[in-house]
């Protein structure tokens, strides 16, 4: 999740305004968090060098994250 416009040492443009998915543009002052997803470490590297984009998972003021598998550890990072 993030509420910043860059990540990982300067990677910009992570959150795209997407009317198809009904996501608004990211903003520091809108009170919302944006949730992005990466599939694995290779995908993370591809995003960092501009070969791919993260998945836009959601956006909101109050977020509840649940794993589809009970008792599974899900790594995440919160910025912003």
PDB file of N, CA and C in Angstrom:
ATOM      1  N   UNK A   1       0.851  -1.166   0.000  1.00  0.00           N
ATOM      2  CA  UNK A   1       0.000   0.000   0.000  1.00  0.00           C
ATOM      3  C   UNK A   1       0.894   1.224   0.000  1.00  0.00           C
ATOM      4  N   UNK A   2       0.422   2.259  -0.626  1.00  0.00           N
ATOM      5  CA  UNK A   2       1.232   3.450  -0.614  1.00  0.00           C
ATOM      6  C   UNK A   2       0.399   4.705  -0.701  1.00  0.00           C
ATOM      7  N   UNK A   3       0.960   5.764  -0.263  1.00  0.00           N
ATOM      8  CA  UNK A   3       0.382   7.080  -0.461  1.00  0.00           C
ATOM      9  C   UNK A   3       1.515   8.033  -0.813  1.00  0.00           C
ATOM     10  N   UNK A   4       2.398   7.537  -1.648  1.00  0.00           N
ATOM     11  CA  UNK A   4       3.515   8.307  -2.168  1.00  0.00           C
ATOM     12  C   UNK A   4       3.555   8.108  -3.670  1.00  0.00           C
ATOM     13  N   UNK A   5       4.198   9.013  -4.384  1.00  0.00           N
ATOM     14  CA  UNK A   5       4.217   8.887  -5.845  1.00  0.00           C
ATOM     15  C   UNK A   5       5.481   8.230  -6.375  1.00  0.00           C
ATOM     16  N   UNK A   6       6.327   7.722  -5.479  1.00  0.00           N
ATOM     17  CA  UNK A   6       7.506   6.991  -5.939  1.00  0.00           C
ATOM     18  C   UNK A   6       7.864   5.916  -4.917  1.00  0.00           C
ATOM     19  N   UNK A   7       8.669   4.956  -5.359  1.00  0.00           N
ATOM     20  CA  UNK A   7       8.971   3.807  -4.509  1.00  0.00           C
ATOM     21  C   UNK A   7      10.289   3.192  -4.961  1.00  0.00           C
ATOM     22  N   UNK A   8      10.942   2.484  -4.089  1.00  0.00           N
ATOM     23  CA  UNK A   8      12.116   1.702  -4.440  1.00  0.00           C
ATOM     24  C   UNK A   8      13.259   2.502  -5.013  1.00  0.00           C
ATOM     25  N   UNK A   9      13.607   3.598  -4.388  1.00  0.00           N
ATOM     26  CA  UNK A   9      14.744   4.381  -4.853  1.00  0.00           C
ATOM     27  C   UNK A   9      14.434   5.291  -6.027  1.00  0.00           C
ATOM     28  N   UNK A  10      13.162   5.660  -6.203  1.00  0.00           N
ATOM     29  CA  UNK A  10      12.827   6.641  -7.230  1.00  0.00           C
ATOM     30  C   UNK A  10      11.942   6.151  -8.355  1.00  0.00           C
ATOM     31  N   UNK A  11      11.359   4.957  -8.241  1.00  0.00           N
ATOM     32  CA  UNK A  11      10.444   4.470  -9.276  1.00  0.00           C
ATOM     33  C   UNK A  11       9.174   5.310  -9.211  1.00  0.00           C
ATOM     34  N   UNK A  12       8.842   5.983 -10.305  1.00  0.00           N
ATOM     35  CA  UNK A  12       7.675   6.869 -10.361  1.00  0.00           C
ATOM     36  C   UNK A  12       6.558   6.254 -11.193  1.00  0.00           C
ATOM     37  N   UNK A  13       5.370   6.825 -11.070  1.00  0.00           N
ATOM     38  CA  UNK A  13       4.250   6.431 -11.912  1.00  0.00           C
ATOM     39  C   UNK A  13       3.676   5.067 -11.600  1.00  0.00           C
ATOM     40  N   UNK A  14       3.683   4.683 -10.319  1.00  0.00           N
ATOM     41  CA  UNK A  14       3.172   3.359  -9.953  1.00  0.00           C
ATOM     42  C   UNK A  14       1.654   3.270 -10.059  1.00  0.00           C
ATOM     43  N   UNK A  15       0.956   4.344  -9.733  1.00  0.00           N
ATOM     44  CA  UNK A  15      -0.504   4.335  -9.706  1.00  0.00           C
ATOM     45  C   UNK A  15      -1.027   5.113 -10.887  1.00  0.00           C
ATOM     46  N   UNK A  16      -1.756   4.441 -11.741  1.00  0.00           N
ATOM     47  CA  UNK A  16      -2.350   5.084 -12.916  1.00  0.00           C
ATOM     48  C   UNK A  16      -3.822   5.362 -12.640  1.00  0.00           C
ATOM     49  N   UNK A  17      -4.296   6.546 -13.010  1.00  0.00           N
ATOM     50  CA  UNK A  17      -5.720   6.823 -12.933  1.00  0.00           C
ATOM     51  C   UNK A  17      -6.404   5.877 -13.913  1.00  0.00           C
ATOM     52  N   UNK A  18      -7.387   5.112 -13.462  1.00  0.00           N
ATOM     53  CA  UNK A  18      -7.960   4.064 -14.288  1.00  0.00           C
ATOM     54  C   UNK A  18      -9.479   4.094 -14.186  1.00  0.00           C
ATOM     55  N   UNK A  19     -10.141   4.715 -15.164  1.00  0.00           N
ATOM     56  CA  UNK A  19     -11.596   4.810 -15.126  1.00  0.00           C
ATOM     57  C   UNK A  19     -12.251   3.451 -15.332  1.00  0.00           C
ATOM     58  N   UNK A  20     -11.589   2.543 -16.029  1.00  0.00           N
ATOM     59  CA  UNK A  20     -12.130   1.198 -16.246  1.00  0.00           C
ATOM     60  C   UNK A  20     -12.311   0.457 -14.919  1.00  0.00           C
ATOM     61  N   UNK A  21     -11.354   0.625 -14.011  1.00  0.00           N
ATOM     62  CA  UNK A  21     -11.423   0.000 -12.694  1.00  0.00           C
ATOM     63  C   UNK A  21     -11.981   0.940 -11.637  1.00  0.00           C
ATOM     64  N   UNK A  22     -12.385   2.124 -12.036  1.00  0.00           N
ATOM     65  CA  UNK A  22     -12.959   3.139 -11.156  1.00  0.00           C
ATOM     66  C   UNK A  22     -11.985   3.593 -10.067  1.00  0.00           C
ATOM     67  N   UNK A  23     -10.705   3.725 -10.420  1.00  0.00           N
ATOM     68  CA  UNK A  23      -9.688   4.229  -9.498  1.00  0.00           C
ATOM     69  C   UNK A  23      -9.385   5.683  -9.840  1.00  0.00           C
ATOM     70  N   UNK A  24      -9.272   6.496  -8.800  1.00  0.00           N
ATOM     71  CA  UNK A  24      -8.919   7.905  -8.983  1.00  0.00           C
ATOM     72  C   UNK A  24      -7.405   8.066  -8.982  1.00  0.00           C
ATOM     73  N   UNK A  25      -6.942   9.236  -9.384  1.00  0.00           N
ATOM     74  CA  UNK A  25      -5.519   9.550  -9.342  1.00  0.00           C
ATOM     75  C   UNK A  25      -5.052   9.576  -7.888  1.00  0.00           C
ATOM     76  N   UNK A  26      -3.803   9.158  -7.655  1.00  0.00           N
ATOM     77  CA  UNK A  26      -3.261   9.193  -6.294  1.00  0.00           C
ATOM     78  C   UNK A  26      -2.976  10.627  -5.884  1.00  0.00           C
ATOM     79  N   UNK A  27      -3.110  10.874  -4.589  1.00  0.00           N
ATOM     80  CA  UNK A  27      -2.857  12.210  -4.049  1.00  0.00           C
ATOM     81  C   UNK A  27      -2.432  12.058  -2.593  1.00  0.00           C
ATOM     82  N   UNK A  28      -1.512  12.900  -2.163  1.00  0.00           N
ATOM     83  CA  UNK A  28      -1.075  12.878  -0.766  1.00  0.00           C
ATOM     84  C   UNK A  28      -2.166  13.363   0.180  1.00  0.00           C
ATOM     85  N   UNK A  29      -3.083  14.156  -0.318  1.00  0.00           N
ATOM     86  CA  UNK A  29      -4.036  14.819   0.567  1.00  0.00           C
ATOM     87  C   UNK A  29      -5.470  14.300   0.445  1.00  0.00           C
ATOM     88  N   UNK A  30      -5.684  13.168  -0.233  1.00  0.00           N
ATOM     89  CA  UNK A  30      -7.057  12.686  -0.405  1.00  0.00           C
ATOM     90  C   UNK A  30      -7.508  11.737   0.704  1.00  0.00           C
ATOM     91  N   UNK A  31      -6.610  11.375   1.621  1.00  0.00           N
ATOM     92  CA  UNK A  31      -6.971  10.497   2.728  1.00  0.00           C
ATOM     93  C   UNK A  31      -7.124   9.039   2.347  1.00  0.00           C
ATOM     94  N   UNK A  32      -6.696   8.676   1.148  1.00  0.00           N
ATOM     95  CA  UNK A  32      -6.838   7.296   0.699  1.00  0.00           C
ATOM     96  C   UNK A  32      -5.482   6.627   0.528  1.00  0.00           C
ATOM     97  N   UNK A  33      -5.487   5.310   0.644  1.00  0.00           N
ATOM     98  CA  UNK A  33      -4.316   4.503   0.349  1.00  0.00           C
ATOM     99  C   UNK A  33      -4.560   3.748  -0.949  1.00  0.00           C
ATOM    100  N   UNK A  34      -3.514   3.588  -1.713  1.00  0.00           N
ATOM    101  CA  UNK A  34      -3.579   2.812  -2.933  1.00  0.00           C
ATOM    102  C   UNK A  34      -2.910   1.460  -2.672  1.00  0.00           C
ATOM    103  N   UNK A  35      -3.518   0.376  -3.110  1.00  0.00           N
ATOM    104  CA  UNK A  35      -2.984  -0.966  -2.895  1.00  0.00           C
ATOM    105  C   UNK A  35      -2.504  -1.517  -4.232  1.00  0.00           C
ATOM    106  N   UNK A  36      -1.215  -1.843  -4.276  1.00  0.00           N
ATOM    107  CA  UNK A  36      -0.593  -2.398  -5.469  1.00  0.00           C
ATOM    108  C   UNK A  36      -0.147  -3.821  -5.184  1.00  0.00           C
ATOM    109  N   UNK A  37      -0.065  -4.634  -6.229  1.00  0.00           N
ATOM    110  CA  UNK A  37       0.381  -6.004  -6.060  1.00  0.00           C
ATOM    111  C   UNK A  37       1.532  -6.345  -6.987  1.00  0.00           C
ATOM    112  N   UNK A  38       2.414  -7.170  -6.478  1.00  0.00           N
ATOM    113  CA  UNK A  38       3.531  -7.711  -7.256  1.00  0.00           C
ATOM    114  C   UNK A  38       3.470  -9.228  -7.132  1.00  0.00           C
ATOM    115  N   UNK A  39       3.790  -9.934  -8.203  1.00  0.00           N
ATOM    116  CA  UNK A  39       3.674 -11.389  -8.167  1.00  0.00           C
ATOM    117  C   UNK A  39       4.846 -12.055  -7.464  1.00  0.00           C
ATOM    118  N   UNK A  40       6.044 -11.524  -7.662  1.00  0.00           N
ATOM    119  CA  UNK A  40       7.238 -12.130  -7.072  1.00  0.00           C
ATOM    120  C   UNK A  40       8.404 -11.163  -7.194  1.00  0.00           C
ATOM    121  N   UNK A  41       9.578 -11.595  -6.778  1.00  0.00           N
ATOM    122  CA  UNK A  41      10.761 -10.730  -6.788  1.00  0.00           C
ATOM    123  C   UNK A  41      11.163 -10.340  -8.213  1.00  0.00           C
ATOM    124  N   UNK A  42      10.932 -11.221  -9.177  1.00  0.00           N
ATOM    125  CA  UNK A  42      11.254 -10.897 -10.570  1.00  0.00           C
ATOM    126  C   UNK A  42      10.350  -9.774 -11.059  1.00  0.00           C
ATOM    127  N   UNK A  43       9.062  -9.870 -10.750  1.00  0.00           N
ATOM    128  CA  UNK A  43       8.117  -8.811 -11.132  1.00  0.00           C
ATOM    129  C   UNK A  43       8.504  -7.487 -10.470  1.00  0.00           C
ATOM    130  N   UNK A  44       8.939  -7.544  -9.208  1.00  0.00           N
ATOM    131  CA  UNK A  44       9.375  -6.335  -8.518  1.00  0.00           C
ATOM    132  C   UNK A  44      10.544  -5.681  -9.258  1.00  0.00           C
ATOM    133  N   UNK A  45      11.500  -6.483  -9.687  1.00  0.00           N
ATOM    134  CA  UNK A  45      12.631  -5.955 -10.447  1.00  0.00           C
ATOM    135  C   UNK A  45      12.196  -5.372 -11.772  1.00  0.00           C
ATOM    136  N   UNK A  46      11.252  -6.012 -12.445  1.00  0.00           N
ATOM    137  CA  UNK A  46      10.757  -5.509 -13.721  1.00  0.00           C
ATOM    138  C   UNK A  46      10.062  -4.163 -13.539  1.00  0.00           C
ATOM    139  N   UNK A  47       9.328  -4.009 -12.445  1.00  0.00           N
ATOM    140  CA  UNK A  47       8.675  -2.728 -12.153  1.00  0.00           C
ATOM    141  C   UNK A  47       9.729  -1.655 -11.892  1.00  0.00           C
ATOM    142  N   UNK A  48      10.773  -2.008 -11.143  1.00  0.00           N
ATOM    143  CA  UNK A  48      11.813  -1.025 -10.812  1.00  0.00           C
ATOM    144  C   UNK A  48      12.536  -0.504 -12.046  1.00  0.00           C
ATOM    145  N   UNK A  49      12.728  -1.350 -13.059  1.00  0.00           N
ATOM    146  CA  UNK A  49      13.454  -0.896 -14.252  1.00  0.00           C
ATOM    147  C   UNK A  49      12.523  -0.472 -15.380  1.00  0.00           C
ATOM    148  N   UNK A  50      11.204  -0.482 -15.142  1.00  0.00           N
ATOM    149  CA  UNK A  50      10.255   0.028 -16.125  1.00  0.00           C
ATOM    150  C   UNK A  50       9.801  -0.969 -17.176  1.00  0.00           C
ATOM    151  N   UNK A  51      10.044  -2.267 -16.967  1.00  0.00           N
ATOM    152  CA  UNK A  51       9.610  -3.270 -17.939  1.00  0.00           C
ATOM    153  C   UNK A  51       8.175  -3.733 -17.713  1.00  0.00           C
ATOM    154  N   UNK A  52       7.629  -3.482 -16.541  1.00  0.00           N
ATOM    155  CA  UNK A  52       6.275  -3.913 -16.224  1.00  0.00           C
ATOM    156  C   UNK A  52       5.672  -2.935 -15.234  1.00  0.00           C
ATOM    157  N   UNK A  53       4.397  -3.111 -14.930  1.00  0.00           N
ATOM    158  CA  UNK A  53       3.706  -2.275 -13.959  1.00  0.00           C
ATOM    159  C   UNK A  53       3.122  -3.161 -12.860  1.00  0.00           C
ATOM    160  N   UNK A  54       2.971  -2.626 -11.657  1.00  0.00           N
ATOM    161  CA  UNK A  54       2.324  -3.402 -10.599  1.00  0.00           C
ATOM    162  C   UNK A  54       0.828  -3.522 -10.884  1.00  0.00           C
ATOM    163  N   UNK A  55       0.182  -4.467 -10.232  1.00  0.00           N
ATOM    164  CA  UNK A  55      -1.261  -4.627 -10.365  1.00  0.00           C
ATOM    165  C   UNK A  55      -1.957  -3.656  -9.430  1.00  0.00           C
ATOM    166  N   UNK A  56      -2.954  -2.949  -9.942  1.00  0.00           N
ATOM    167  CA  UNK A  56      -3.748  -2.080  -9.089  1.00  0.00           C
ATOM    168  C   UNK A  56      -4.814  -2.944  -8.422  1.00  0.00           C
ATOM    169  N   UNK A  57      -4.710  -3.089  -7.093  1.00  0.00           N
ATOM    170  CA  UNK A  57      -5.619  -3.958  -6.354  1.00  0.00           C
ATOM    171  C   UNK A  57      -6.813  -3.184  -5.833  1.00  0.00           C
ATOM    172  N   UNK A  58      -6.589  -2.016  -5.263  1.00  0.00           N
ATOM    173  CA  UNK A  58      -7.685  -1.246  -4.704  1.00  0.00           C
ATOM    174  C   UNK A  58      -7.245   0.097  -4.201  1.00  0.00           C
ATOM    175  N   UNK A  59      -8.216   0.851  -3.745  1.00  0.00           N
ATOM    176  CA  UNK A  59      -7.982   2.208  -3.268  1.00  0.00           C
ATOM    177  C   UNK A  59      -9.103   2.545  -2.297  1.00  0.00           C
ATOM    178  N   UNK A  60      -8.751   3.135  -1.141  1.00  0.00           N
ATOM    179  CA  UNK A  60      -9.818   3.484  -0.212  1.00  0.00           C
ATOM    180  C   UNK A  60      -9.346   4.162   1.048  1.00  0.00           C
ATOM    181  N   UNK A  61     -10.325   4.629   1.830  1.00  0.00           N
ATOM    182  CA  UNK A  61     -10.058   5.295   3.102  1.00  0.00           C
ATOM    183  C   UNK A  61      -9.860   4.275   4.220  1.00  0.00           C
ATOM    184  N   UNK A  62     -10.622   3.196   4.181  1.00  0.00           N
ATOM    185  CA  UNK A  62     -10.511   2.116   5.160  1.00  0.00           C
ATOM    186  C   UNK A  62     -10.277   0.831   4.375  1.00  0.00           C
ATOM    187  N   UNK A  63      -9.201   0.119   4.717  1.00  0.00           N
ATOM    188  CA  UNK A  63      -8.847  -1.078   3.969  1.00  0.00           C
ATOM    189  C   UNK A  63      -8.808  -2.286   4.892  1.00  0.00           C
ATOM    190  N   UNK A  64      -9.341  -3.392   4.413  1.00  0.00           N
ATOM    191  CA  UNK A  64      -9.259  -4.671   5.109  1.00  0.00           C
ATOM    192  C   UNK A  64      -8.646  -5.653   4.126  1.00  0.00           C
ATOM    193  N   UNK A  65      -7.503  -6.203   4.482  1.00  0.00           N
ATOM    194  CA  UNK A  65      -6.822  -7.163   3.624  1.00  0.00           C
ATOM    195  C   UNK A  65      -7.006  -8.558   4.198  1.00  0.00           C
ATOM    196  N   UNK A  66      -7.483  -9.467   3.358  1.00  0.00           N
ATOM    197  CA  UNK A  66      -7.688 -10.845   3.791  1.00  0.00           C
ATOM    198  C   UNK A  66      -7.033 -11.777   2.784  1.00  0.00           C
ATOM    199  N   UNK A  67      -6.395 -12.803   3.295  1.00  0.00           N
ATOM    200  CA  UNK A  67      -5.815 -13.833   2.449  1.00  0.00           C
ATOM    201  C   UNK A  67      -6.880 -14.880   2.146  1.00  0.00           C
ATOM    202  N   UNK A  68      -6.851 -15.441   0.956  1.00  0.00           N
ATOM    203  CA  UNK A  68      -7.793 -16.500   0.609  1.00  0.00           C
ATOM    204  C   UNK A  68      -7.461 -17.799   1.329  1.00  0.00           C
ATOM    205  N   UNK A  69      -6.243 -17.908   1.845  1.00  0.00           N
ATOM    206  CA  UNK A  69      -5.808 -19.104   2.560  1.00  0.00           C
ATOM    207  C   UNK A  69      -5.662 -18.754   4.043  1.00  0.00           C
ATOM    208  N   UNK A  70      -6.354 -19.492   4.899  1.00  0.00           N
ATOM    209  CA  UNK A  70      -6.253 -19.262   6.345  1.00  0.00           C
ATOM    210  C   UNK A  70      -4.835 -19.509   6.838  1.00  0.00           C
ATOM    211  N   UNK A  71      -4.401 -18.702   7.779  1.00  0.00           N
ATOM    212  CA  UNK A  71      -3.102 -18.843   8.439  1.00  0.00           C
ATOM    213  C   UNK A  71      -1.916 -18.741   7.491  1.00  0.00           C
ATOM    214  N   UNK A  72      -2.075 -18.091   6.360  1.00  0.00           N
ATOM    215  CA  UNK A  72      -0.955 -17.904   5.442  1.00  0.00           C
ATOM    216  C   UNK A  72      -0.330 -16.535   5.686  1.00  0.00           C
ATOM    217  N   UNK A  73       0.979 -16.502   5.784  1.00  0.00           N
ATOM    218  CA  UNK A  73       1.683 -15.237   5.950  1.00  0.00           C
ATOM    219  C   UNK A  73       1.788 -14.561   4.582  1.00  0.00           C
ATOM    220  N   UNK A  74       1.331 -13.320   4.529  1.00  0.00           N
ATOM    221  CA  UNK A  74       1.370 -12.552   3.291  1.00  0.00           C
ATOM    222  C   UNK A  74       2.290 -11.356   3.506  1.00  0.00           C
ATOM    223  N   UNK A  75       3.407 -11.309   2.792  1.00  0.00           N
ATOM    224  CA  UNK A  75       4.310 -10.159   2.961  1.00  0.00           C
ATOM    225  C   UNK A  75       3.677  -8.894   2.365  1.00  0.00           C
ATOM    226  N   UNK A  76       3.829  -7.779   3.081  1.00  0.00           N
ATOM    227  CA  UNK A  76       3.341  -6.512   2.556  1.00  0.00           C
ATOM    228  C   UNK A  76       4.184  -5.386   3.108  1.00  0.00           C
ATOM    229  N   UNK A  77       4.100  -4.261   2.439  1.00  0.00           N
ATOM    230  CA  UNK A  77       4.820  -3.064   2.860  1.00  0.00           C
ATOM    231  C   UNK A  77       3.864  -1.901   2.774  1.00  0.00           C
ATOM    232  N   UNK A  78       3.904  -1.044   3.771  1.00  0.00           N
ATOM    233  CA  UNK A  78       3.050   0.145   3.788  1.00  0.00           C
ATOM    234  C   UNK A  78       3.963   1.362   3.771  1.00  0.00           C
ATOM    235  N   UNK A  79       3.751   2.229   2.789  1.00  0.00           N
ATOM    236  CA  UNK A  79       4.506   3.481   2.663  1.00  0.00           C
ATOM    237  C   UNK A  79       3.548   4.647   2.671  1.00  0.00           C
ATOM    238  N   UNK A  80       3.993   5.752   3.216  1.00  0.00           N
ATOM    239  CA  UNK A  80       3.212   6.961   3.110  1.00  0.00           C
ATOM    240  C   UNK A  80       2.616   7.411   4.400  1.00  0.00           C
TER     241      UNK A  80
END
